[in-house]
Amino acid sequence: MKSDIHPNYRDVVFYDTSSEFKFLTKSTIETNETTVWTDGNSYPVYKIEVSSESHPFYTGKKMMLDTAGRVEKFNKRYAKK
């Protein structure tokens, strides 16, 4: 196997900025920032905007769309004259 061709696979903290949620997992993502985790060790941190803590599908705060209104609008726009 060739050496030095694989990315650095390490522990990384992902930080959801919208819900202040952090989780530790392994990743090859490159980042310059670090943070101290609950175990006292310092890990690279990567900021994300959406995670399972803040996504409407996973939190149950899914917005209901007005599909009937959209169908009527479509039919009105493309109805044969």
PDB file of N, CA and C in Angstrom:
ATOM      1  N   MET A   1       0.827  -1.174   0.000  1.00  0.00           N
ATOM      2  CA  MET A   1       0.000   0.000   0.000  1.00  0.00           C
ATOM      3  C   MET A   1       0.880   1.249   0.000  1.00  0.00           C
ATOM      4  N   LYS A   2       0.478   2.246  -0.748  1.00  0.00           N
ATOM      5  CA  LYS A   2       1.256   3.477  -0.797  1.00  0.00           C
ATOM      6  C   LYS A   2       1.121   4.239   0.514  1.00  0.00           C
ATOM      7  N   SER A   3       2.198   4.871   0.922  1.00  0.00           N
ATOM      8  CA  SER A   3       2.154   5.658   2.157  1.00  0.00           C
ATOM      9  C   SER A   3       1.855   7.116   1.818  1.00  0.00           C
ATOM     10  N   ASP A   4       1.292   7.815   2.792  1.00  0.00           N
ATOM     11  CA  ASP A   4       0.991   9.247   2.695  1.00  0.00           C
ATOM     12  C   ASP A   4      -0.018   9.615   1.606  1.00  0.00           C
ATOM     13  N   ILE A   5      -0.931   8.719   1.255  1.00  0.00           N
ATOM     14  CA  ILE A   5      -1.967   9.074   0.287  1.00  0.00           C
ATOM     15  C   ILE A   5      -3.340   9.182   0.948  1.00  0.00           C
ATOM     16  N   HIS A   6      -3.455   8.705   2.168  1.00  0.00           N
ATOM     17  CA  HIS A   6      -4.740   8.720   2.850  1.00  0.00           C
ATOM     18  C   HIS A   6      -4.880   9.960   3.727  1.00  0.00           C
ATOM     19  N   PRO A   7      -6.099  10.520   3.810  1.00  0.00           N
ATOM     20  CA  PRO A   7      -6.297  11.693   4.677  1.00  0.00           C
ATOM     21  C   PRO A   7      -6.199  11.318   6.148  1.00  0.00           C
ATOM     22  N   ASN A   8      -5.998  12.313   6.976  1.00  0.00           N
ATOM     23  CA  ASN A   8      -5.857  12.114   8.418  1.00  0.00           C
ATOM     24  C   ASN A   8      -7.233  11.825   9.020  1.00  0.00           C
ATOM     25  N   TYR A   9      -7.455  10.601   9.474  1.00  0.00           N
ATOM     26  CA  TYR A   9      -8.720  10.167  10.075  1.00  0.00           C
ATOM     27  C   TYR A   9      -8.592  10.291  11.578  1.00  0.00           C
ATOM     28  N   ARG A  10      -9.358  11.219  12.186  1.00  0.00           N
ATOM     29  CA  ARG A  10      -9.178  11.523  13.602  1.00  0.00           C
ATOM     30  C   ARG A  10     -10.501  11.894  14.245  1.00  0.00           C
ATOM     31  N   ASP A  11     -10.496  12.062  15.562  1.00  0.00           N
ATOM     32  CA  ASP A  11     -11.675  12.520  16.289  1.00  0.00           C
ATOM     33  C   ASP A  11     -11.878  14.013  16.033  1.00  0.00           C
ATOM     34  N   VAL A  12     -13.130  14.386  15.728  1.00  0.00           N
ATOM     35  CA  VAL A  12     -13.475  15.783  15.460  1.00  0.00           C
ATOM     36  C   VAL A  12     -14.781  16.092  16.184  1.00  0.00           C
ATOM     37  N   VAL A  13     -14.876  17.289  16.769  1.00  0.00           N
ATOM     38  CA  VAL A  13     -16.110  17.748  17.401  1.00  0.00           C
ATOM     39  C   VAL A  13     -16.889  18.556  16.378  1.00  0.00           C
ATOM     40  N   PHE A  14     -18.136  18.165  16.122  1.00  0.00           N
ATOM     41  CA  PHE A  14     -19.022  18.930  15.266  1.00  0.00           C
ATOM     42  C   PHE A  14     -19.916  19.776  16.155  1.00  0.00           C
ATOM     43  N   TYR A  15     -19.993  21.076  15.861  1.00  0.00           N
ATOM     44  CA  TYR A  15     -20.700  22.044  16.696  1.00  0.00           C
ATOM     45  C   TYR A  15     -21.840  22.659  15.892  1.00  0.00           C
ATOM     46  N   ASP A  16     -23.080  22.360  16.304  1.00  0.00           N
ATOM     47  CA  ASP A  16     -24.268  22.924  15.665  1.00  0.00           C
ATOM     48  C   ASP A  16     -24.494  24.317  16.226  1.00  0.00           C
ATOM     49  N   THR A  17     -24.273  25.331  15.412  1.00  0.00           N
ATOM     50  CA  THR A  17     -24.349  26.713  15.881  1.00  0.00           C
ATOM     51  C   THR A  17     -25.778  27.169  16.165  1.00  0.00           C
ATOM     52  N   SER A  18     -26.773  26.536  15.553  1.00  0.00           N
ATOM     53  CA  SER A  18     -28.146  26.973  15.762  1.00  0.00           C
ATOM     54  C   SER A  18     -28.748  26.444  17.059  1.00  0.00           C
ATOM     55  N   SER A  19     -28.250  25.312  17.555  1.00  0.00           N
ATOM     56  CA  SER A  19     -28.825  24.757  18.783  1.00  0.00           C
ATOM     57  C   SER A  19     -27.797  24.560  19.899  1.00  0.00           C
ATOM     58  N   GLU A  20     -26.571  25.011  19.683  1.00  0.00           N
ATOM     59  CA  GLU A  20     -25.505  24.881  20.686  1.00  0.00           C
ATOM     60  C   GLU A  20     -25.229  23.417  21.044  1.00  0.00           C
ATOM     61  N   PHE A  21     -25.427  22.505  20.102  1.00  0.00           N
ATOM     62  CA  PHE A  21     -25.253  21.071  20.310  1.00  0.00           C
ATOM     63  C   PHE A  21     -23.901  20.645  19.751  1.00  0.00           C
ATOM     64  N   LYS A  22     -23.157  19.844  20.501  1.00  0.00           N
ATOM     65  CA  LYS A  22     -21.855  19.346  20.074  1.00  0.00           C
ATOM     66  C   LYS A  22     -21.834  17.822  20.146  1.00  0.00           C
ATOM     67  N   PHE A  23     -21.170  17.202  19.189  1.00  0.00           N
ATOM     68  CA  PHE A  23     -20.967  15.761  19.257  1.00  0.00           C
ATOM     69  C   PHE A  23     -19.599  15.403  18.695  1.00  0.00           C
ATOM     70  N   LEU A  24     -19.035  14.349  19.247  1.00  0.00           N
ATOM     71  CA  LEU A  24     -17.692  13.904  18.892  1.00  0.00           C
ATOM     72  C   LEU A  24     -17.803  12.668  18.010  1.00  0.00           C
ATOM     73  N   THR A  25     -17.116  12.697  16.875  1.00  0.00           N
ATOM     74  CA  THR A  25     -17.100  11.569  15.954  1.00  0.00           C
ATOM     75  C   THR A  25     -15.786  11.587  15.190  1.00  0.00           C
ATOM     76  N   LYS A  26     -15.548  10.580  14.404  1.00  0.00           N
ATOM     77  CA  LYS A  26     -14.338  10.527  13.599  1.00  0.00           C
ATOM     78  C   LYS A  26     -14.620  11.101  12.216  1.00  0.00           C
ATOM     79  N   SER A  27     -13.623  11.805  11.668  1.00  0.00           N
ATOM     80  CA  SER A  27     -13.784  12.434  10.372  1.00  0.00           C
ATOM     81  C   SER A  27     -12.424  12.750   9.772  1.00  0.00           C
ATOM     82  N   THR A  28     -12.405  13.013   8.468  1.00  0.00           N
ATOM     83  CA  THR A  28     -11.189  13.443   7.780  1.00  0.00           C
ATOM     84  C   THR A  28     -11.241  14.928   7.452  1.00  0.00           C
ATOM     85  N   ILE A  29     -12.247  15.634   7.925  1.00  0.00           N
ATOM     86  CA  ILE A  29     -12.424  17.049   7.610  1.00  0.00           C
ATOM     87  C   ILE A  29     -11.280  17.880   8.195  1.00  0.00           C
ATOM     88  N   GLU A  30     -10.835  18.876   7.436  1.00  0.00           N
ATOM     89  CA  GLU A  30      -9.743  19.745   7.874  1.00  0.00           C
ATOM     90  C   GLU A  30     -10.312  21.002   8.513  1.00  0.00           C
ATOM     91  N   THR A  31      -9.791  21.384   9.663  1.00  0.00           N
ATOM     92  CA  THR A  31     -10.215  22.586  10.365  1.00  0.00           C
ATOM     93  C   THR A  31      -9.055  23.145  11.169  1.00  0.00           C
ATOM     94  N   ASN A  32      -9.103  24.451  11.421  1.00  0.00           N
ATOM     95  CA  ASN A  32      -8.025  25.107  12.167  1.00  0.00           C
ATOM     96  C   ASN A  32      -8.393  25.369  13.613  1.00  0.00           C
ATOM     97  N   GLU A  33      -9.680  25.300  13.952  1.00  0.00           N
ATOM     98  CA  GLU A  33     -10.140  25.591  15.304  1.00  0.00           C
ATOM     99  C   GLU A  33     -10.100  24.335  16.173  1.00  0.00           C
ATOM    100  N   THR A  34      -9.905  24.533  17.477  1.00  0.00           N
ATOM    101  CA  THR A  34      -9.935  23.417  18.419  1.00  0.00           C
ATOM    102  C   THR A  34     -10.826  23.777  19.601  1.00  0.00           C
ATOM    103  N   THR A  35     -11.267  22.762  20.323  1.00  0.00           N
ATOM    104  CA  THR A  35     -12.073  22.951  21.523  1.00  0.00           C
ATOM    105  C   THR A  35     -11.726  21.851  22.514  1.00  0.00           C
ATOM    106  N   VAL A  36     -12.023  22.095  23.766  1.00  0.00           N
ATOM    107  CA  VAL A  36     -11.787  21.096  24.808  1.00  0.00           C
ATOM    108  C   VAL A  36     -13.092  20.336  25.034  1.00  0.00           C
ATOM    109  N   TRP A  37     -13.036  19.018  24.912  1.00  0.00           N
ATOM    110  CA  TRP A  37     -14.204  18.157  25.072  1.00  0.00           C
ATOM    111  C   TRP A  37     -14.382  17.819  26.547  1.00  0.00           C
ATOM    112  N   THR A  38     -15.461  17.144  26.911  1.00  0.00           N
ATOM    113  CA  THR A  38     -15.771  16.828  28.306  1.00  0.00           C
ATOM    114  C   THR A  38     -14.739  15.911  28.953  1.00  0.00           C
ATOM    115  N   ASP A  39     -13.994  15.162  28.151  1.00  0.00           N
ATOM    116  CA  ASP A  39     -12.961  14.283  28.722  1.00  0.00           C
ATOM    117  C   ASP A  39     -11.658  15.021  29.018  1.00  0.00           C
ATOM    118  N   GLY A  40     -11.603  16.333  28.720  1.00  0.00           N
ATOM    119  CA  GLY A  40     -10.425  17.139  29.007  1.00  0.00           C
ATOM    120  C   GLY A  40      -9.434  17.223  27.868  1.00  0.00           C
ATOM    121  N   ASN A  41      -9.643  16.462  26.810  1.00  0.00           N
ATOM    122  CA  ASN A  41      -8.747  16.490  25.648  1.00  0.00           C
ATOM    123  C   ASN A  41      -9.176  17.579  24.670  1.00  0.00           C
ATOM    124  N   SER A  42      -8.213  18.066  23.904  1.00  0.00           N
ATOM    125  CA  SER A  42      -8.479  19.089  22.900  1.00  0.00           C
ATOM    126  C   SER A  42      -8.671  18.416  21.545  1.00  0.00           C
ATOM    127  N   TYR A  43      -9.753  18.767  20.848  1.00  0.00           N
ATOM    128  CA  TYR A  43     -10.075  18.187  19.546  1.00  0.00           C
ATOM    129  C   TYR A  43     -10.347  19.303  18.544  1.00  0.00           C
ATOM    130  N   PRO A  44     -10.115  19.029  17.246  1.00  0.00           N
ATOM    131  CA  PRO A  44     -10.509  19.997  16.229  1.00  0.00           C
ATOM    132  C   PRO A  44     -12.030  20.138  16.233  1.00  0.00           C
ATOM    133  N   VAL A  45     -12.531  21.338  15.953  1.00  0.00           N
ATOM    134  CA  VAL A  45     -13.969  21.572  15.940  1.00  0.00           C
ATOM    135  C   VAL A  45     -14.375  22.096  14.567  1.00  0.00           C
ATOM    136  N   TYR A  46     -15.525  21.603  14.082  1.00  0.00           N
ATOM    137  CA  TYR A  46     -16.077  22.036  12.804  1.00  0.00           C
ATOM    138  C   TYR A  46     -17.497  22.527  13.049  1.00  0.00           C
ATOM    139  N   LYS A  47     -17.789  23.763  12.640  1.00  0.00           N
ATOM    140  CA  LYS A  47     -19.095  24.364  12.879  1.00  0.00           C
ATOM    141  C   LYS A  47     -20.043  24.025  11.736  1.00  0.00           C
ATOM    142  N   ILE A  48     -21.251  23.569  12.118  1.00  0.00           N
ATOM    143  CA  ILE A  48     -22.292  23.250  11.147  1.00  0.00           C
ATOM    144  C   ILE A  48     -23.554  24.029  11.502  1.00  0.00           C
ATOM    145  N   GLU A  49     -24.460  24.190  10.546  1.00  0.00           N
ATOM    146  CA  GLU A  49     -25.678  24.952  10.782  1.00  0.00           C
ATOM    147  C   GLU A  49     -26.863  24.066  11.129  1.00  0.00           C
ATOM    148  N   VAL A  50     -26.858  22.824  10.655  1.00  0.00           N
ATOM    149  CA  VAL A  50     -27.986  21.926  10.882  1.00  0.00           C
ATOM    150  C   VAL A  50     -27.467  20.556  11.304  1.00  0.00           C
ATOM    151  N   SER A  51     -28.053  20.021  12.361  1.00  0.00           N
ATOM    152  CA  SER A  51     -27.751  18.659  12.799  1.00  0.00           C
ATOM    153  C   SER A  51     -29.068  17.994  13.189  1.00  0.00           C
ATOM    154  N   SER A  52     -28.999  16.817  13.749  1.00  0.00           N
ATOM    155  CA  SER A  52     -30.220  16.127  14.176  1.00  0.00           C
ATOM    156  C   SER A  52     -30.908  16.859  15.320  1.00  0.00           C
ATOM    157  N   GLU A  53     -30.191  17.717  16.049  1.00  0.00           N
ATOM    158  CA  GLU A  53     -30.779  18.493  17.142  1.00  0.00           C
ATOM    159  C   GLU A  53     -31.592  19.670  16.645  1.00  0.00           C
ATOM    160  N   SER A  54     -31.288  20.184  15.445  1.00  0.00           N
ATOM    161  CA  SER A  54     -31.958  21.383  14.972  1.00  0.00           C
ATOM    162  C   SER A  54     -32.768  21.183  13.696  1.00  0.00           C
ATOM    163  N   HIS A  55     -32.644  20.049  13.029  1.00  0.00           N
ATOM    164  CA  HIS A  55     -33.376  19.823  11.784  1.00  0.00           C
ATOM    165  C   HIS A  55     -34.846  19.539  12.086  1.00  0.00           C
ATOM    166  N   PRO A  56     -35.767  20.202  11.380  1.00  0.00           N
ATOM    167  CA  PRO A  56     -37.196  20.040  11.661  1.00  0.00           C
ATOM    168  C   PRO A  56     -37.699  18.601  11.539  1.00  0.00           C
ATOM    169  N   PHE A  57     -37.131  17.808  10.667  1.00  0.00           N
ATOM    170  CA  PHE A  57     -37.586  16.431  10.503  1.00  0.00           C
ATOM    171  C   PHE A  57     -37.324  15.614  11.764  1.00  0.00           C
ATOM    172  N   TYR A  58     -36.155  15.801  12.380  1.00  0.00           N
ATOM    173  CA  TYR A  58     -35.780  15.019  13.555  1.00  0.00           C
ATOM    174  C   TYR A  58     -36.347  15.576  14.852  1.00  0.00           C
ATOM    175  N   THR A  59     -36.626  16.874  14.897  1.00  0.00           N
ATOM    176  CA  THR A  59     -37.121  17.483  16.123  1.00  0.00           C
ATOM    177  C   THR A  59     -38.635  17.418  16.236  1.00  0.00           C
ATOM    178  N   GLY A  60     -39.329  17.094  15.148  1.00  0.00           N
ATOM    179  CA  GLY A  60     -40.788  17.030  15.168  1.00  0.00           C
ATOM    180  C   GLY A  60     -41.442  18.376  14.981  1.00  0.00           C
ATOM    181  N   LYS A  61     -40.690  19.379  14.671  1.00  0.00           N
ATOM    182  CA  LYS A  61     -41.227  20.721  14.455  1.00  0.00           C
ATOM    183  C   LYS A  61     -41.360  20.995  12.963  1.00  0.00           C
ATOM    184  N   LYS A  62     -41.806  20.007  12.239  1.00  0.00           N
ATOM    185  CA  LYS A  62     -41.936  20.108  10.802  1.00  0.00           C
ATOM    186  C   LYS A  62     -43.067  21.056  10.441  1.00  0.00           C
ATOM    187  N   MET A  63     -42.820  21.926   9.495  1.00  0.00           N
ATOM    188  CA  MET A  63     -43.839  22.881   9.072  1.00  0.00           C
ATOM    189  C   MET A  63     -44.773  22.212   8.083  1.00  0.00           C
ATOM    190  N   MET A  64     -46.045  22.472   8.216  1.00  0.00           N
ATOM    191  CA  MET A  64     -47.036  21.949   7.285  1.00  0.00           C
ATOM    192  C   MET A  64     -47.152  22.903   6.103  1.00  0.00           C
ATOM    193  N   LEU A  65     -47.115  22.351   4.910  1.00  0.00           N
ATOM    194  CA  LEU A  65     -47.240  23.166   3.709  1.00  0.00           C
ATOM    195  C   LEU A  65     -48.679  23.172   3.244  1.00  0.00           C
ATOM    196  N   ASP A  66     -49.070  24.244   2.637  1.00  0.00           N
ATOM    197  CA  ASP A  66     -50.417  24.379   2.094  1.00  0.00           C
ATOM    198  C   ASP A  66     -50.430  23.740   0.711  1.00  0.00           C
ATOM    199  N   THR A  67     -50.534  22.406   0.667  1.00  0.00           N
ATOM    200  CA  THR A  67     -50.466  21.712  -0.618  1.00  0.00           C
ATOM    201  C   THR A  67     -51.711  21.944  -1.449  1.00  0.00           C
ATOM    202  N   ALA A  68     -52.853  22.074  -0.809  1.00  0.00           N
ATOM    203  CA  ALA A  68     -54.078  22.323  -1.575  1.00  0.00           C
ATOM    204  C   ALA A  68     -53.968  23.657  -2.298  1.00  0.00           C
ATOM    205  N   GLY A  69     -53.457  24.646  -1.650  1.00  0.00           N
ATOM    206  CA  GLY A  69     -53.288  25.949  -2.282  1.00  0.00           C
ATOM    207  C   GLY A  69     -52.294  25.903  -3.426  1.00  0.00           C
ATOM    208  N   ARG A  70     -51.264  25.107  -3.286  1.00  0.00           N
ATOM    209  CA  ARG A  70     -50.265  25.002  -4.341  1.00  0.00           C
ATOM    210  C   ARG A  70     -50.824  24.273  -5.553  1.00  0.00           C
ATOM    211  N   VAL A  71     -51.630  23.236  -5.322  1.00  0.00           N
ATOM    212  CA  VAL A  71     -52.236  22.498  -6.433  1.00  0.00           C
ATOM    213  C   VAL A  71     -53.205  23.393  -7.186  1.00  0.00           C
ATOM    214  N   GLU A  72     -54.021  24.141  -6.457  1.00  0.00           N
ATOM    215  CA  GLU A  72     -54.964  25.054  -7.108  1.00  0.00           C
ATOM    216  C   GLU A  72     -54.230  26.121  -7.907  1.00  0.00           C
ATOM    217  N   LYS A  73     -53.162  26.613  -7.371  1.00  0.00           N
ATOM    218  CA  LYS A  73     -52.370  27.623  -8.058  1.00  0.00           C
ATOM    219  C   LYS A  73     -51.773  27.047  -9.346  1.00  0.00           C
ATOM    220  N   PHE A  74     -51.288  25.786  -9.282  1.00  0.00           N
ATOM    221  CA  PHE A  74     -50.738  25.130 -10.465  1.00  0.00           C
ATOM    222  C   PHE A  74     -51.818  24.936 -11.521  1.00  0.00           C
ATOM    223  N   ASN A  75     -52.970  24.411 -11.089  1.00  0.00           N
ATOM    224  CA  ASN A  75     -54.061  24.173 -12.037  1.00  0.00           C
ATOM    225  C   ASN A  75     -54.537  25.479 -12.665  1.00  0.00           C
ATOM    226  N   LYS A  76     -54.597  26.515 -11.898  1.00  0.00           N
ATOM    227  CA  LYS A  76     -55.038  27.814 -12.404  1.00  0.00           C
ATOM    228  C   LYS A  76     -54.039  28.352 -13.444  1.00  0.00           C
ATOM    229  N   ARG A  77     -52.784  28.179 -13.171  1.00  0.00           N
ATOM    230  CA  ARG A  77     -51.758  28.706 -14.063  1.00  0.00           C
ATOM    231  C   ARG A  77     -51.683  27.923 -15.374  1.00  0.00           C
ATOM    232  N   TYR A  78     -51.816  26.597 -15.312  1.00  0.00           N
ATOM    233  CA  TYR A  78     -51.615  25.767 -16.492  1.00  0.00           C
ATOM    234  C   TYR A  78     -52.912  25.150 -17.029  1.00  0.00           C
ATOM    235  N   ALA A  79     -54.032  25.665 -16.621  1.00  0.00           N
ATOM    236  CA  ALA A  79     -55.320  25.150 -17.118  1.00  0.00           C
ATOM    237  C   ALA A  79     -55.476  25.512 -18.594  1.00  0.00           C
ATOM    238  N   LYS A  80     -56.118  24.600 -19.324  1.00  0.00           N
ATOM    239  CA  LYS A  80     -56.382  24.881 -20.730  1.00  0.00           C
ATOM    240  C   LYS A  80     -57.472  25.936 -20.839  1.00  0.00           C
ATOM    241  N   LYS A  81     -57.292  26.837 -21.729  1.00  0.00           N
ATOM    242  CA  LYS A  81     -58.257  27.931 -21.887  1.00  0.00           C
ATOM    243  C   LYS A  81     -59.281  27.609 -22.930  1.00  0.00           C
TER     244      LYS A  81
END
